[in-house]
N, C-alpha and C. Protein backbone atom coordinates (compact mmCIF):
# COMPACT_ATOMS: atom_id res chain seq x y z
N MET A 1 1.08 -1.54 -0.33
CA MET A 1 -0.12 0.30 0.07
C MET A 1 1.52 1.62 -0.02
N ALA A 2 0.63 2.09 -1.30
CA ALA A 2 1.73 3.61 -0.87
C ALA A 2 1.22 4.74 0.17
N LEU A 3 1.97 5.01 0.88
CA LEU A 3 2.00 6.14 0.83
C LEU A 3 0.19 7.48 0.93
N VAL A 4 0.17 8.10 1.90
CA VAL A 4 -0.61 9.35 0.93
C VAL A 4 0.72 10.60 0.84
N LYS A 5 0.78 11.15 -0.55
CA LYS A 5 1.95 12.43 -0.82
C LYS A 5 1.79 13.23 -0.08
N LYS A 6 -0.03 13.36 0.55
CA LYS A 6 -0.35 15.03 1.08
C LYS A 6 0.21 15.01 2.60
N GLY A 7 1.62 15.80 3.28
CA GLY A 7 2.07 15.93 4.05
C GLY A 7 3.67 15.11 4.00
N SER A 8 3.59 13.66 2.60
CA SER A 8 5.05 13.70 2.96
C SER A 8 6.43 14.10 2.50
N ARG A 9 7.45 13.10 2.55
CA ARG A 9 8.61 14.33 1.89
C ARG A 9 9.64 13.21 1.42
N LEU A 10 10.62 14.35 -0.04
CA LEU A 10 11.11 13.37 -0.87
C LEU A 10 12.66 13.25 -0.35
N ILE A 11 13.26 12.13 0.09
CA ILE A 11 14.39 12.07 0.15
C ILE A 11 15.51 11.55 -0.73
N ASN A 12 16.66 11.26 -0.77
CA ASN A 12 17.91 11.15 -1.88
C ASN A 12 18.25 10.58 -1.14
N VAL A 13 18.77 9.86 -1.46
CA VAL A 13 19.59 8.74 -0.20
C VAL A 13 20.20 7.55 -1.34
N ASP A 14 22.02 7.93 -1.20
CA ASP A 14 22.58 7.63 -2.48
C ASP A 14 22.14 6.99 -4.16
N GLY A 15 21.84 7.91 -4.65
CA GLY A 15 21.29 8.41 -5.24
C GLY A 15 19.45 7.35 -5.98
N THR A 16 18.73 7.20 -4.86
CA THR A 16 17.84 6.33 -5.02
C THR A 16 17.34 7.56 -4.59
N THR A 17 15.47 7.85 -4.36
CA THR A 17 14.12 8.49 -3.94
C THR A 17 13.72 8.38 -3.30
N TYR A 18 13.69 8.59 -1.60
CA TYR A 18 12.42 8.53 -1.55
C TYR A 18 10.82 8.50 -0.73
N ARG A 19 10.12 8.13 -0.52
CA ARG A 19 9.55 8.80 0.06
C ARG A 19 8.88 8.52 1.77
N TRP A 20 9.15 9.65 2.64
CA TRP A 20 8.40 9.23 4.26
C TRP A 20 8.01 10.50 4.22
N ARG A 21 7.11 9.37 6.17
CA ARG A 21 5.44 10.64 6.64
C ARG A 21 5.20 9.81 7.70
N LEU A 22 6.11 10.80 8.48
CA LEU A 22 4.84 10.94 9.87
C LEU A 22 4.08 11.60 9.45
N ARG A 23 2.94 9.96 10.43
CA ARG A 23 2.24 10.35 10.91
C ARG A 23 1.45 11.74 11.77
N GLY A 24 0.61 12.56 11.60
CA GLY A 24 0.77 13.86 11.89
C GLY A 24 -0.21 13.49 13.78
N ARG A 25 -1.08 13.05 14.26
CA ARG A 25 -1.48 12.79 15.41
C ARG A 25 -1.22 11.67 15.39
N PRO A 26 -0.23 11.71 17.24
CA PRO A 26 -0.37 10.37 17.69
C PRO A 26 -1.61 9.74 17.95
N THR A 27 -1.27 7.68 17.68
CA THR A 27 -1.89 6.69 18.22
C THR A 27 -2.07 6.90 19.42
N TYR A 28 -3.06 6.11 19.59
CA TYR A 28 -3.71 6.68 20.63
C TYR A 28 -2.69 5.73 22.21
N ASP A 29 -1.50 5.03 22.27
CA ASP A 29 -0.83 4.11 22.29
C ASP A 29 1.05 5.87 23.04
N GLN A 30 0.92 5.80 21.19
CA GLN A 30 2.03 6.80 20.96
C GLN A 30 1.29 8.73 22.34
N GLY A 31 -0.22 8.94 21.85
CA GLY A 31 -0.66 10.23 22.86
C GLY A 31 -0.32 9.64 24.51
N LEU A 32 -0.51 8.60 25.59
CA LEU A 32 -0.29 8.66 25.92
C LEU A 32 1.50 8.28 26.91
N VAL A 33 1.72 8.00 25.47
CA VAL A 33 3.70 8.38 26.23
C VAL A 33 3.84 6.16 26.36
N HIS A 34 3.37 5.95 25.53
CA HIS A 34 3.12 4.17 25.80
C HIS A 34 4.18 3.84 24.74
N TRP A 35 4.02 4.42 23.43
CA TRP A 35 5.23 3.84 22.51
C TRP A 35 6.13 4.53 22.89
N PRO A 36 6.54 4.16 21.04
CA PRO A 36 7.70 5.37 20.13
C PRO A 36 6.51 5.66 19.45
N LEU A 37 7.53 7.19 18.92
CA LEU A 37 7.21 7.56 17.59
C LEU A 37 7.62 6.84 16.33
N THR A 38 6.43 5.95 15.37
CA THR A 38 7.50 5.73 14.06
C THR A 38 6.93 6.28 12.78
N TYR A 39 8.44 5.95 11.77
CA TYR A 39 7.20 6.56 10.73
C TYR A 39 7.58 5.74 9.10
N ALA A 40 6.89 5.94 8.09
CA ALA A 40 7.07 5.04 7.58
C ALA A 40 8.03 5.83 5.63
N VAL A 41 8.44 4.46 4.99
CA VAL A 41 9.34 5.23 4.17
C VAL A 41 9.29 3.71 2.95
N GLU A 42 9.21 4.62 2.13
CA GLU A 42 9.00 4.11 0.49
C GLU A 42 9.42 4.59 -0.25
N HIS A 43 9.93 3.43 -1.50
CA HIS A 43 10.41 3.87 -2.78
C HIS A 43 9.51 5.09 -3.24
N ALA A 44 9.96 5.91 -4.09
CA ALA A 44 9.10 7.19 -4.57
C ALA A 44 8.78 6.78 -5.88
N ASP A 45 9.04 6.89 -6.52
CA ASP A 45 9.06 5.85 -7.97
C ASP A 45 7.98 4.82 -7.79
N ASN A 46 8.64 3.60 -7.68
CA ASN A 46 7.98 2.64 -7.45
C ASN A 46 7.86 1.42 -6.06
N PRO A 47 6.81 1.85 -5.76
CA PRO A 47 6.69 1.63 -4.30
C PRO A 47 6.24 0.01 -4.03
N GLY A 48 6.81 -0.41 -2.76
CA GLY A 48 6.88 -1.60 -3.04
C GLY A 48 6.90 -2.40 -1.25
N THR A 49 7.96 -2.80 -1.10
CA THR A 49 6.84 -3.24 0.34
C THR A 49 7.18 -1.11 1.06
N THR A 50 7.03 -1.47 2.33
CA THR A 50 7.29 -0.37 3.07
C THR A 50 7.74 -0.79 4.08
N LEU A 51 8.98 0.31 4.60
CA LEU A 51 9.92 0.01 5.73
C LEU A 51 9.11 0.93 6.91
N VAL A 52 8.98 0.26 7.41
CA VAL A 52 8.24 1.31 9.03
C VAL A 52 9.42 1.09 10.14
N ILE A 53 9.73 2.51 10.75
CA ILE A 53 10.70 2.92 11.02
C ILE A 53 9.71 3.00 13.48
N THR A 54 10.30 2.28 13.87
CA THR A 54 10.34 2.58 15.51
C THR A 54 10.90 3.99 15.73
N THR A 55 11.30 4.24 16.24
CA THR A 55 12.22 5.85 16.85
C THR A 55 11.95 5.55 18.49
N ASN A 56 13.52 5.46 19.11
CA ASN A 56 13.21 5.64 20.21
C ASN A 56 12.78 7.32 21.59
N GLN A 57 12.22 7.62 20.94
CA GLN A 57 11.65 9.18 21.19
C GLN A 57 9.87 9.32 20.54
N PRO A 58 9.32 9.79 22.13
CA PRO A 58 7.62 10.47 22.13
C PRO A 58 7.53 10.64 20.36
N HIS A 59 5.83 10.39 20.47
CA HIS A 59 5.24 11.26 19.15
C HIS A 59 5.84 13.02 19.74
N PRO A 60 5.94 13.92 18.99
CA PRO A 60 6.01 15.40 19.09
C PRO A 60 5.22 16.07 19.58
N THR A 61 3.72 15.70 18.70
CA THR A 61 2.19 15.63 19.86
C THR A 61 1.31 14.87 21.23
N ASN A 62 2.21 14.42 21.71
CA ASN A 62 1.36 13.34 23.18
C ASN A 62 1.13 14.43 24.10
N TRP A 63 -0.08 13.38 24.15
CA TRP A 63 -0.81 14.39 25.29
C TRP A 63 -0.67 14.73 26.98
N PHE A 64 0.71 14.40 27.09
CA PHE A 64 1.20 14.67 28.36
C PHE A 64 2.46 16.02 27.99
N GLY A 65 3.03 16.72 26.22
CA GLY A 65 4.03 17.12 25.61
C GLY A 65 5.74 16.72 26.76
N THR A 66 6.11 16.05 26.78
CA THR A 66 6.28 15.18 27.01
C THR A 66 7.73 15.61 25.95
N PRO A 67 8.86 15.94 25.63
CA PRO A 67 9.78 16.30 25.26
C PRO A 67 10.30 15.54 24.07
N SER A 68 10.10 15.99 22.70
CA SER A 68 10.44 15.26 21.79
C SER A 68 11.41 15.73 20.66
N SER A 69 11.99 15.35 19.88
CA SER A 69 12.84 16.22 18.89
C SER A 69 12.56 15.59 17.65
N PRO A 70 12.60 16.74 16.75
CA PRO A 70 11.72 16.42 15.35
C PRO A 70 12.88 14.84 14.46
N VAL A 71 12.12 14.52 13.88
CA VAL A 71 12.81 13.91 13.38
C VAL A 71 13.83 14.07 11.81
N LEU A 72 15.17 14.22 11.56
CA LEU A 72 15.38 15.44 10.51
C LEU A 72 16.17 14.17 9.72
N PRO A 73 16.54 14.96 8.78
CA PRO A 73 16.46 14.01 7.12
C PRO A 73 18.15 13.16 7.10
N SER A 74 18.84 13.30 8.19
CA SER A 74 19.68 12.72 8.83
C SER A 74 19.47 11.42 9.19
N GLN A 75 18.85 11.28 10.24
CA GLN A 75 18.59 10.19 10.22
C GLN A 75 17.10 9.55 10.04
N VAL A 76 16.92 9.83 9.20
CA VAL A 76 15.74 9.03 7.60
C VAL A 76 16.93 8.95 6.69
N ALA A 77 17.64 9.25 6.58
CA ALA A 77 18.54 8.83 5.46
C ALA A 77 19.05 7.71 6.11
N ALA A 78 19.95 8.10 7.57
CA ALA A 78 20.78 6.33 8.21
C ALA A 78 19.62 4.55 8.36
N ALA A 79 17.86 5.32 8.41
CA ALA A 79 18.02 4.16 8.74
C ALA A 79 17.56 3.20 7.35
N ILE A 80 17.42 4.12 6.89
CA ILE A 80 17.00 3.50 5.38
C ILE A 80 18.54 2.52 4.90
N ARG A 81 20.09 3.20 5.26
CA ARG A 81 20.67 3.15 4.36
C ARG A 81 20.46 1.15 5.75
N THR A 82 20.85 2.01 6.53
CA THR A 82 19.74 0.46 8.18
C THR A 82 19.13 -0.34 8.20
N ALA A 83 18.22 -0.44 7.09
CA ALA A 83 17.22 -1.43 6.81
C ALA A 83 17.51 -1.56 5.48
N LEU A 84 18.15 -1.28 4.32
CA LEU A 84 18.56 -1.76 3.03
C LEU A 84 20.00 -2.34 3.23
N THR A 85 20.59 -2.75 4.34
CA THR A 85 22.05 -3.42 5.02
C THR A 85 21.32 -4.55 5.26
N GLN A 86 20.33 -4.41 5.86
CA GLN A 86 19.37 -5.43 6.86
C GLN A 86 18.55 -6.79 6.05
N GLY A 87 18.10 -6.01 4.61
CA GLY A 87 17.77 -6.79 3.52
C GLY A 87 16.39 -6.09 2.72
N TRP A 88 16.15 -5.14 3.31
CA TRP A 88 14.63 -4.48 2.87
C TRP A 88 15.08 -4.53 1.50
N THR A 89 13.74 -4.54 0.16
CA THR A 89 13.74 -4.62 -0.52
C THR A 89 12.69 -3.37 -0.68
N ALA A 90 12.96 -2.15 -1.52
CA ALA A 90 11.83 -1.41 -1.68
C ALA A 90 10.96 -1.19 -2.08
N GLU A 91 11.65 -1.82 -4.00
CA GLU A 91 10.96 -2.17 -4.46
C GLU A 91 10.30 -3.47 -4.82
N SER A 92 10.48 -4.76 -4.13
CA SER A 92 9.72 -5.35 -4.06
C SER A 92 8.36 -5.57 -3.27
N PRO A 93 7.17 -5.87 -3.79
CA PRO A 93 6.19 -6.53 -3.21
C PRO A 93 6.26 -7.08 -1.88
N GLY A 94 6.19 -6.65 -0.35
CA GLY A 94 5.46 -8.02 0.34
C GLY A 94 5.15 -7.05 1.91
N SER A 95 5.67 -7.43 2.41
CA SER A 95 4.82 -7.21 3.71
C SER A 95 6.02 -6.15 4.45
N PRO A 96 5.62 -5.39 5.28
CA PRO A 96 6.08 -3.91 5.87
C PRO A 96 6.87 -4.09 6.01
N PHE A 97 8.02 -3.41 6.65
CA PHE A 97 10.06 -4.39 6.57
C PHE A 97 9.72 -3.66 7.96
N HIS A 98 10.15 -4.03 9.32
CA HIS A 98 10.41 -3.22 10.53
C HIS A 98 11.78 -2.93 11.35
N LEU A 99 11.73 -1.72 11.61
CA LEU A 99 12.98 -1.48 11.88
C LEU A 99 12.85 -0.46 13.37
N ASP A 100 13.73 -2.21 14.27
CA ASP A 100 13.35 -0.72 15.29
C ASP A 100 14.78 0.03 15.91
N GLN A 101 14.72 0.93 16.38
CA GLN A 101 15.29 2.20 16.46
C GLN A 101 14.60 2.64 17.83
N SER A 102 13.77 1.33 18.72
CA SER A 102 14.19 2.23 19.92
C SER A 102 14.44 1.81 21.47
N ALA A 103 15.30 1.29 20.78
CA ALA A 103 16.28 0.71 22.41
C ALA A 103 16.52 2.82 23.50
N GLY A 104 16.12 2.65 24.42
CA GLY A 104 16.82 3.54 25.21
C GLY A 104 14.96 4.58 25.33
N PHE A 105 13.95 4.05 24.54
CA PHE A 105 13.08 4.71 24.72
C PHE A 105 12.11 4.48 26.52
N VAL A 106 11.71 5.43 27.02
CA VAL A 106 10.51 5.16 28.62
C VAL A 106 9.86 5.03 28.06
N SER A 107 8.63 4.98 28.83
CA SER A 107 7.11 5.41 28.35
C SER A 107 7.48 6.22 29.99
N SER A 108 6.26 7.21 29.93
CA SER A 108 6.06 7.84 31.01
C SER A 108 4.61 7.38 31.59
N HIS A 109 4.38 6.12 31.33
CA HIS A 109 3.72 5.82 32.72
C HIS A 109 3.35 4.57 32.52
């Protein structure tokens, strides 16, 4: 399933263009800071398998005002490179590929 283009951003990593998107509103568990921020990445021209990255920080619009840093393009590029080395094939169809970078996340409740 392709990402919604509205609210997504393009990023070029090593000559390949990807589209990434952060969910605007937190899920219930993200709002309560029980679950960390996640975002999705796909190949911009030939979307296949979606990459889902779980970060180690809370969603920026969590309901408790727990501080969170913005997701930087350099972090997205690093996550894409890591996923590619771990076997993510962006243009091949398949189930979402999960990259867990949540080490160090502390639930506030």
